[in-house]
Amino acid sequence: MRRLRLLLSVSLLGVVSPAVASKGNTGAEFLKIGAGARPAALGDTQAALAEGALAALWNPAALGGLSSAEISLTHNRWFEGIQDQRFVAAVPTKSVGTLALAYERLAINDFLSFDAQGTNTGAVNSGDSVVSLAWGRNIAQGATGGSGLYAGLAAKTINEKIAGVSASGFALDFGFLFRPWGLTAQRLPWVRRSSLGFSAKNLGQGLKYDEENAPLPTEYNLGAGYSQPLGGDILNLGLDYHLVTGETAAVSAGLEYWMKNLLAFRLGYRTSDVNGLGFRAGAGFKVGKIQADYAWAATGEDFGPSHRITLTYRFGPAAVAPGLAADLFDDYVARGKRHMELGLYDRAILEFNEALSIHPGDESVRVLLLECGEKMEKAAP
């Protein structure tokens, strides 16, 4: 058992802060490593800013905001031969909300082990895997667009192997997401563009190694988000409070700026984390139905930075930023009309198509599109 305790403290399960290891909370530390490049670049500020299929691993309530099916793949290259991969597939349904399936895997290169006397006992291998099934849905009555009260739940099985010793466990996540609606939200733009989120992760009894019980890193997150339109671009801001069992509370902040819905720049900061406190940064871009995201994160003075890459494929248009549907729709229509007045009908068509991606059934925009087509035909030589 003394050897096993030592292995538990040096495996990454293992990539734990000394303070955590000293308290014996070394079980399933893989669960502390944030999933996805966008969340990492935002400093793990995801209680209210989680979106897309990856929301299944942060706040499952946000799954209810998906407008089309998504597949997400993430690769994270850490130090000392440590790598993790995440796969998430999410499908929205009309009757029960959005369902998601996730598979997470941690791989660690073989490392040397030593007994209590310091004798080399050979190479040791270690690794983790987690399989999750998540659900999220808008449960509010009368809410439209991206507004509403969302609820979500995720169940997951955890498997961990260290030096030929294995353990498994079961855990639950749940979350809520509130985006204001009603008359107040309609009259006050800053209200409808705001969101509040809460998530509780890794609720369970923990993993048992032989006679040793390794508790799960239960985490509670509370956060606020805000989205602001900037001349057709979007600025997202978030602030979260994180409380992990047995650790000091942390605060994180994130900023995301989308240019023309094609290129994103992100900055984040977290006061404490498995990565080590400090800044995060990243970028993303969209090409058709494919989105690629990258994140850089410092890992403290003793190690180099970590790099995350996420690829997402959407089977339909992405959801509009919370609270901005009306603002962006009006903006696209106004710019399209200005292009028409200048005789730039091809540009006007692009703007009107963007407006229809938000409100596909708007008849007035369809009429403007037909008018642009007719004027282009008349102007053709």
Protein backbone atom coordinates (compact mmCIF):
# COMPACT_ATOMS: atom_id res chain seq x y z
CA MET A 1 0.00 0.00 0.00
CA ARG A 2 2.90 2.43 0.65
CA ARG A 3 4.06 1.95 -2.92
CA LEU A 4 0.56 2.50 -4.21
CA ARG A 5 0.23 5.74 -2.28
CA LEU A 6 3.48 6.95 -3.84
CA LEU A 7 2.26 6.07 -7.33
CA LEU A 8 -0.95 7.92 -6.71
CA SER A 9 0.98 11.06 -5.79
CA VAL A 10 3.26 11.09 -8.86
CA SER A 11 0.95 9.98 -11.63
CA LEU A 12 -1.03 12.71 -13.21
CA LEU A 13 -3.56 11.92 -11.83
CA GLY A 14 -0.87 13.49 -10.71
CA VAL A 15 -0.80 16.62 -12.36
CA VAL A 16 -1.97 17.96 -9.03
CA SER A 17 -0.82 20.92 -7.07
CA PRO A 18 1.33 20.01 -4.04
CA ALA A 19 -1.36 21.36 -1.76
CA VAL A 20 -3.93 19.00 -3.18
CA ALA A 21 -1.61 16.01 -3.11
CA SER A 22 -0.77 16.66 0.52
CA LYS A 23 -4.44 16.36 1.39
CA GLY A 24 -4.70 13.02 -0.30
CA ASN A 25 -7.20 14.20 -2.90
CA THR A 26 -5.47 12.51 -5.83
CA GLY A 27 -8.38 10.57 -7.27
CA ALA A 28 -9.34 11.16 -10.90
CA GLU A 29 -7.39 14.39 -11.25
CA PHE A 30 -8.01 14.03 -15.00
CA LEU A 31 -11.45 15.46 -14.27
CA LYS A 32 -9.82 18.79 -13.35
CA ILE A 33 -8.24 19.27 -16.77
CA GLY A 34 -10.57 21.55 -18.72
CA ALA A 35 -11.98 20.19 -21.97
CA GLY A 36 -11.72 22.11 -25.23
CA ALA A 37 -9.63 24.94 -26.64
CA ARG A 38 -12.26 27.69 -26.40
CA PRO A 39 -12.97 27.11 -22.68
CA ALA A 40 -9.24 26.92 -21.92
CA ALA A 41 -8.55 30.21 -23.72
CA LEU A 42 -11.32 31.84 -21.69
CA GLY A 43 -9.76 30.72 -18.40
CA ASP A 44 -12.39 28.00 -17.85
CA THR A 45 -15.06 30.71 -17.60
CA GLN A 46 -17.91 28.45 -18.69
CA ALA A 47 -20.74 28.59 -16.16
CA ALA A 48 -22.62 31.10 -18.35
CA LEU A 49 -20.49 31.05 -21.55
CA ALA A 50 -20.56 27.31 -22.31
CA GLU A 51 -21.82 26.56 -25.81
CA GLY A 52 -22.00 23.81 -28.40
CA ALA A 53 -21.32 20.13 -27.85
CA LEU A 54 -18.53 20.86 -25.35
CA ALA A 55 -21.14 22.25 -22.96
CA ALA A 56 -21.76 18.60 -22.02
CA LEU A 57 -18.43 18.68 -20.14
CA TRP A 58 -18.88 22.11 -18.51
CA ASN A 59 -22.51 23.02 -17.94
CA PRO A 60 -24.90 20.50 -19.55
CA ALA A 61 -27.75 23.01 -19.32
CA ALA A 62 -26.18 24.96 -22.21
CA LEU A 63 -26.77 21.96 -24.49
CA GLY A 64 -30.37 23.16 -24.69
CA GLY A 65 -29.20 26.10 -26.80
CA LEU A 66 -27.91 23.98 -29.69
CA SER A 67 -29.64 24.67 -32.99
CA SER A 68 -28.05 21.79 -34.93
CA ALA A 69 -26.08 18.60 -34.33
CA GLU A 70 -22.35 18.92 -33.59
CA ILE A 71 -19.25 16.76 -33.31
CA SER A 72 -16.24 18.05 -31.38
CA LEU A 73 -12.70 16.61 -31.19
CA THR A 74 -10.02 18.00 -28.85
CA HIS A 75 -6.33 17.18 -28.52
CA ASN A 76 -4.38 18.52 -25.55
CA ARG A 77 -0.57 18.21 -25.46
CA TRP A 78 0.82 18.60 -21.97
CA PHE A 79 4.33 18.20 -20.62
CA GLU A 80 6.30 15.00 -19.90
CA GLY A 81 4.47 12.86 -22.45
CA ILE A 82 1.00 13.58 -21.06
CA GLN A 83 -1.81 13.93 -23.60
CA ASP A 84 -5.57 13.84 -23.48
CA GLN A 85 -8.26 13.59 -26.13
CA ARG A 86 -11.96 14.41 -25.94
CA PHE A 87 -14.78 13.43 -28.30
CA VAL A 88 -18.29 14.85 -27.93
CA ALA A 89 -21.32 14.39 -30.18
CA ALA A 90 -24.53 16.32 -29.48
CA VAL A 91 -27.91 16.09 -31.21
CA PRO A 92 -30.85 18.45 -30.49
CA THR A 93 -34.35 16.97 -30.60
CA LYS A 94 -37.76 18.63 -30.63
CA SER A 95 -39.28 16.50 -27.89
CA VAL A 96 -36.69 15.90 -25.16
CA GLY A 97 -34.02 18.55 -25.66
CA THR A 98 -30.39 17.96 -26.66
CA LEU A 99 -28.61 14.66 -25.99
CA ALA A 100 -24.81 14.32 -25.98
CA LEU A 101 -22.33 11.46 -25.74
CA ALA A 102 -18.73 12.13 -24.67
CA TYR A 103 -15.57 10.04 -24.44
CA GLU A 104 -12.45 11.39 -22.69
CA ARG A 105 -9.08 9.67 -22.55
CA LEU A 106 -5.84 10.51 -20.78
CA ALA A 107 -2.58 8.86 -21.89
CA ILE A 108 0.71 9.06 -19.99
CA ASN A 109 4.08 7.75 -21.20
CA ASP A 110 5.62 5.08 -18.97
CA PHE A 111 7.51 6.55 -16.01
CA LEU A 112 9.85 5.17 -13.34
CA SER A 113 8.50 4.17 -9.94
CA PHE A 114 10.26 3.83 -6.60
CA ASP A 115 9.34 2.13 -3.38
CA ALA A 116 9.44 3.72 0.06
CA GLN A 117 13.20 3.04 0.34
CA GLY A 118 13.91 4.79 -2.96
CA THR A 119 14.62 1.61 -4.93
CA ASN A 120 13.73 1.71 -8.64
CA THR A 121 10.92 -0.78 -9.20
CA GLY A 122 10.69 -0.39 -12.98
CA ALA A 123 8.45 1.39 -15.45
CA VAL A 124 4.85 2.15 -14.61
CA ASN A 125 1.97 2.99 -16.94
CA SER A 126 -1.09 5.02 -16.09
CA GLY A 127 -4.20 6.33 -17.79
CA ASP A 128 -7.82 7.40 -17.42
CA SER A 129 -11.02 7.25 -19.44
CA VAL A 130 -14.44 8.81 -18.88
CA VAL A 131 -17.68 8.11 -20.76
CA SER A 132 -20.55 10.59 -20.30
CA LEU A 133 -24.17 10.85 -21.37
CA ALA A 134 -25.59 14.37 -21.04
CA TRP A 135 -28.90 16.15 -21.56
CA GLY A 136 -29.90 19.81 -21.68
CA ARG A 137 -33.15 21.63 -22.41
CA ASN A 138 -34.88 25.02 -22.24
CA ILE A 139 -37.61 24.46 -19.64
CA ALA A 140 -39.03 28.02 -19.68
CA GLN A 141 -42.51 28.72 -20.99
CA GLY A 142 -42.85 31.59 -23.43
CA ALA A 143 -39.14 32.19 -23.94
CA THR A 144 -37.98 32.78 -27.52
CA GLY A 145 -34.68 32.70 -29.35
CA GLY A 146 -31.75 32.00 -27.06
CA SER A 147 -33.52 33.25 -23.92
CA GLY A 148 -35.03 31.04 -21.23
CA LEU A 149 -34.25 28.86 -18.24
CA TYR A 150 -32.11 25.87 -19.20
CA ALA A 151 -31.51 22.75 -17.13
CA GLY A 152 -29.03 19.96 -17.76
CA LEU A 153 -27.78 16.67 -16.33
CA ALA A 154 -24.85 14.37 -17.12
CA ALA A 155 -23.99 10.88 -15.88
CA LYS A 156 -20.50 9.46 -16.34
CA THR A 157 -18.42 6.40 -15.65
CA ILE A 158 -14.77 6.89 -14.68
CA ASN A 159 -12.01 4.32 -15.15
CA GLU A 160 -8.48 4.78 -13.88
CA LYS A 161 -5.39 2.55 -14.06
CA ILE A 162 -2.13 3.01 -12.21
CA ALA A 163 0.67 0.41 -12.25
CA GLY A 164 -1.67 -2.47 -12.99
CA VAL A 165 -4.14 -1.36 -10.32
CA SER A 166 -7.50 -0.20 -11.63
CA ALA A 167 -10.54 1.51 -10.19
CA SER A 168 -13.85 2.71 -11.52
CA GLY A 169 -16.57 4.99 -10.33
CA PHE A 170 -19.75 6.82 -11.22
CA ALA A 171 -20.46 10.55 -11.04
CA LEU A 172 -23.14 13.09 -11.88
CA ASP A 173 -23.03 16.67 -13.18
CA PHE A 174 -25.92 19.11 -13.31
CA GLY A 175 -26.38 22.73 -14.21
CA PHE A 176 -28.71 25.65 -14.86
CA LEU A 177 -28.51 28.59 -17.24
CA PHE A 178 -30.73 31.68 -17.13
CA ARG A 179 -31.11 34.12 -20.01
CA PRO A 180 -33.77 36.80 -19.36
CA TRP A 181 -36.90 37.10 -21.47
CA GLY A 182 -40.20 38.98 -21.35
CA LEU A 183 -41.03 42.68 -21.50
CA THR A 184 -38.09 43.81 -19.39
CA ALA A 185 -35.62 41.96 -21.59
CA GLN A 186 -37.23 43.41 -24.71
CA ARG A 187 -37.05 46.98 -23.44
CA LEU A 188 -33.56 46.78 -21.90
CA PRO A 189 -30.96 45.37 -24.31
CA TRP A 190 -28.34 44.87 -21.57
CA VAL A 191 -30.76 42.61 -19.70
CA ARG A 192 -31.48 40.27 -22.60
CA ARG A 193 -27.79 40.10 -23.47
CA SER A 194 -26.89 38.88 -19.97
CA SER A 195 -26.82 35.32 -18.65
CA LEU A 196 -26.30 33.56 -15.33
CA GLY A 197 -25.07 30.00 -14.95
CA PHE A 198 -24.42 27.41 -12.27
CA SER A 199 -22.92 23.94 -12.52
CA ALA A 200 -21.98 21.17 -10.10
CA LYS A 201 -19.53 18.56 -11.41
CA ASN A 202 -18.17 15.19 -10.32
CA LEU A 203 -20.74 14.39 -7.65
CA GLY A 204 -20.02 10.85 -6.48
CA GLN A 205 -18.45 8.61 -3.87
CA GLY A 206 -15.03 8.46 -5.55
CA LEU A 207 -12.71 5.69 -6.69
CA LYS A 208 -11.48 2.87 -4.50
CA TYR A 209 -7.96 1.43 -4.88
CA ASP A 210 -7.63 -1.69 -2.79
CA GLU A 211 -8.19 -0.25 0.69
CA GLU A 212 -7.55 3.35 -0.30
CA ASN A 213 -10.48 5.58 -1.24
CA ALA A 214 -9.72 8.42 -3.66
CA PRO A 215 -12.44 11.10 -3.54
CA LEU A 216 -13.55 12.81 -6.72
CA PRO A 217 -12.69 16.50 -7.29
CA THR A 218 -16.24 17.79 -6.83
CA GLU A 219 -16.51 21.27 -8.32
CA TYR A 220 -19.10 24.05 -8.06
CA ASN A 221 -19.15 26.93 -10.54
CA LEU A 222 -21.20 30.12 -10.52
CA GLY A 223 -20.86 32.69 -13.28
CA ALA A 224 -22.25 35.54 -15.32
CA GLY A 225 -21.93 36.31 -19.02
CA TYR A 226 -22.65 39.25 -21.28
CA SER A 227 -22.70 39.61 -25.09
CA GLN A 228 -22.43 42.94 -26.92
CA PRO A 229 -22.87 43.57 -30.67
CA LEU A 230 -20.20 45.80 -32.22
CA GLY A 231 -21.06 46.75 -35.78
CA GLY A 232 -21.80 43.18 -36.85
CA ASP A 233 -19.11 41.72 -34.59
CA ILE A 234 -19.72 40.12 -31.18
CA LEU A 235 -17.96 40.64 -27.85
CA ASN A 236 -18.57 38.01 -25.14
CA LEU A 237 -17.51 38.59 -21.53
CA GLY A 238 -17.65 36.21 -18.58
CA LEU A 239 -16.77 35.99 -14.89
CA ASP A 240 -16.85 32.76 -12.83
CA TYR A 241 -16.36 31.67 -9.24
CA HIS A 242 -14.96 28.12 -8.83
CA LEU A 243 -14.98 26.00 -5.69
CA VAL A 244 -13.27 22.59 -5.81
CA THR A 245 -13.48 20.28 -2.80
CA GLY A 246 -10.32 20.54 -0.70
CA GLU A 247 -8.87 23.49 -2.61
CA THR A 248 -8.80 27.26 -2.38
CA ALA A 249 -11.64 28.98 -4.23
CA ALA A 250 -10.72 30.48 -7.60
CA VAL A 251 -12.00 33.26 -9.83
CA SER A 252 -11.73 33.32 -13.62
CA ALA A 253 -12.53 35.86 -16.32
CA GLY A 254 -12.77 35.51 -20.09
CA LEU A 255 -13.12 37.73 -23.16
CA GLU A 256 -14.02 36.62 -26.69
CA TYR A 257 -14.26 38.83 -29.78
CA TRP A 258 -15.76 37.44 -32.99
CA MET A 259 -14.97 39.35 -36.20
CA LYS A 260 -17.60 38.95 -38.92
CA ASN A 261 -18.52 35.60 -37.39
CA LEU A 262 -15.38 34.17 -39.01
CA LEU A 263 -12.40 34.85 -36.71
CA ALA A 264 -12.30 34.88 -32.90
CA PHE A 265 -9.72 36.22 -30.44
CA ARG A 266 -9.83 35.08 -26.81
CA LEU A 267 -8.16 35.99 -23.52
CA GLY A 268 -8.66 34.47 -20.09
CA TYR A 269 -7.30 34.45 -16.57
CA ARG A 270 -7.78 32.11 -13.61
CA THR A 271 -6.42 32.66 -10.12
CA SER A 272 -5.73 28.95 -9.49
CA ASP A 273 -6.01 25.81 -11.58
CA VAL A 274 -4.42 22.45 -12.33
CA ASN A 275 -2.48 24.39 -14.99
CA GLY A 276 -1.19 26.91 -12.47
CA LEU A 277 -2.59 30.42 -12.13
CA GLY A 278 -2.13 32.87 -14.94
CA PHE A 279 -3.24 34.03 -18.35
CA ARG A 280 -4.71 31.99 -21.16
CA ALA A 281 -5.05 32.99 -24.80
CA GLY A 282 -6.40 31.55 -28.02
CA ALA A 283 -8.08 32.01 -31.36
CA GLY A 284 -10.65 30.35 -33.57
CA PHE A 285 -12.00 30.52 -37.10
CA LYS A 286 -14.90 29.13 -39.11
CA VAL A 287 -14.85 27.70 -42.61
CA GLY A 288 -18.30 26.61 -43.69
CA LYS A 289 -19.55 24.08 -41.14
CA ILE A 290 -16.09 23.51 -39.65
CA GLN A 291 -14.69 25.49 -36.73
CA ALA A 292 -11.09 25.21 -35.49
CA ASP A 293 -9.99 26.57 -32.10
CA TYR A 294 -6.58 26.84 -30.43
CA ALA A 295 -5.62 27.65 -26.82
CA TRP A 296 -2.35 28.37 -25.07
CA ALA A 297 -2.09 28.02 -21.30
CA ALA A 298 0.83 28.44 -18.94
CA THR A 299 1.56 25.52 -16.60
CA GLY A 300 3.71 27.22 -13.98
CA GLU A 301 7.41 28.03 -13.75
CA ASP A 302 8.63 24.42 -13.87
CA PHE A 303 6.91 23.35 -17.10
CA GLY A 304 6.32 24.70 -20.57
CA PRO A 305 2.89 25.83 -21.79
CA SER A 306 0.16 23.43 -22.83
CA HIS A 307 -1.52 23.58 -26.23
CA ARG A 308 -5.10 22.58 -27.03
CA ILE A 309 -6.67 22.18 -30.46
CA THR A 310 -10.39 21.59 -31.02
CA LEU A 311 -12.13 20.82 -34.29
CA THR A 312 -15.90 21.12 -34.49
CA TYR A 313 -18.22 20.08 -37.29
CA ARG A 314 -21.77 21.44 -37.32
CA PHE A 315 -24.51 19.84 -39.38
CA GLY A 316 -26.31 23.17 -39.57
CA PRO A 317 -25.87 26.85 -38.64
CA ALA A 318 -24.36 27.73 -35.27
CA ALA A 319 -26.60 29.24 -32.62
CA VAL A 320 -26.56 33.02 -32.35
CA ALA A 321 -24.85 34.51 -29.29
CA PRO A 322 -27.32 34.73 -26.37
CA GLY A 323 -29.51 37.81 -26.41
CA LEU A 324 -28.19 39.12 -29.73
CA ALA A 325 -30.60 37.61 -32.24
CA ALA A 326 -32.75 40.75 -32.58
CA ASP A 327 -29.76 43.11 -32.62
CA LEU A 328 -27.79 41.17 -35.23
CA PHE A 329 -30.84 40.57 -37.42
CA ASP A 330 -31.63 44.30 -37.54
CA ASP A 331 -27.96 45.10 -38.18
CA TYR A 332 -27.69 42.72 -41.15
CA VAL A 333 -30.92 44.02 -42.68
CA ALA A 334 -29.87 47.67 -42.27
CA ARG A 335 -26.48 47.06 -43.88
CA GLY A 336 -28.10 45.11 -46.70
CA LYS A 337 -30.42 48.02 -47.45
CA ARG A 338 -27.49 50.46 -47.47
CA HIS A 339 -25.67 48.25 -50.00
CA MET A 340 -28.81 48.21 -52.16
CA GLU A 341 -28.96 52.01 -52.16
CA LEU A 342 -25.35 52.06 -53.39
CA GLY A 343 -26.06 49.50 -56.08
CA LEU A 344 -23.88 46.86 -54.38
CA TYR A 345 -26.43 44.09 -54.76
CA ASP A 346 -24.00 41.20 -54.33
CA ARG A 347 -22.96 42.54 -50.92
CA ALA A 348 -26.58 43.18 -50.02
CA ILE A 349 -27.43 39.54 -50.78
CA LEU A 350 -24.69 38.37 -48.40
CA GLU A 351 -26.08 40.55 -45.59
CA PHE A 352 -29.66 39.38 -46.18
CA ASN A 353 -28.56 35.75 -46.16
CA GLU A 354 -26.91 36.33 -42.78
CA ALA A 355 -30.19 37.81 -41.52
CA LEU A 356 -32.09 34.75 -42.73
CA SER A 357 -29.67 32.46 -40.89
CA ILE A 358 -31.04 34.06 -37.69
CA HIS A 359 -34.72 34.24 -38.71
CA PRO A 360 -35.15 31.84 -41.67
CA GLY A 361 -38.85 32.53 -42.09
CA ASP A 362 -38.73 36.33 -42.35
CA GLU A 363 -40.75 37.20 -45.44
CA SER A 364 -39.61 40.85 -45.67
CA VAL A 365 -35.97 39.78 -46.06
CA ARG A 366 -36.91 37.23 -48.71
CA VAL A 367 -38.63 40.01 -50.67
CA LEU A 368 -35.46 42.12 -50.46
CA LEU A 369 -33.40 39.18 -51.73
CA LEU A 370 -35.69 38.77 -54.75
CA GLU A 371 -35.48 42.49 -55.43
CA CYS A 372 -31.67 42.31 -55.37
CA GLY A 373 -31.71 39.40 -57.81
CA GLU A 374 -34.00 41.23 -60.23
CA LYS A 375 -31.88 44.40 -60.17
CA MET A 376 -28.70 42.39 -60.75
CA GLU A 377 -30.29 40.80 -63.82
CA LYS A 378 -31.31 44.20 -65.21
CA ALA A 379 -27.85 45.61 -64.61
CA ALA A 380 -26.15 42.67 -66.34
CA PRO A 381 -24.80 43.52 -69.87
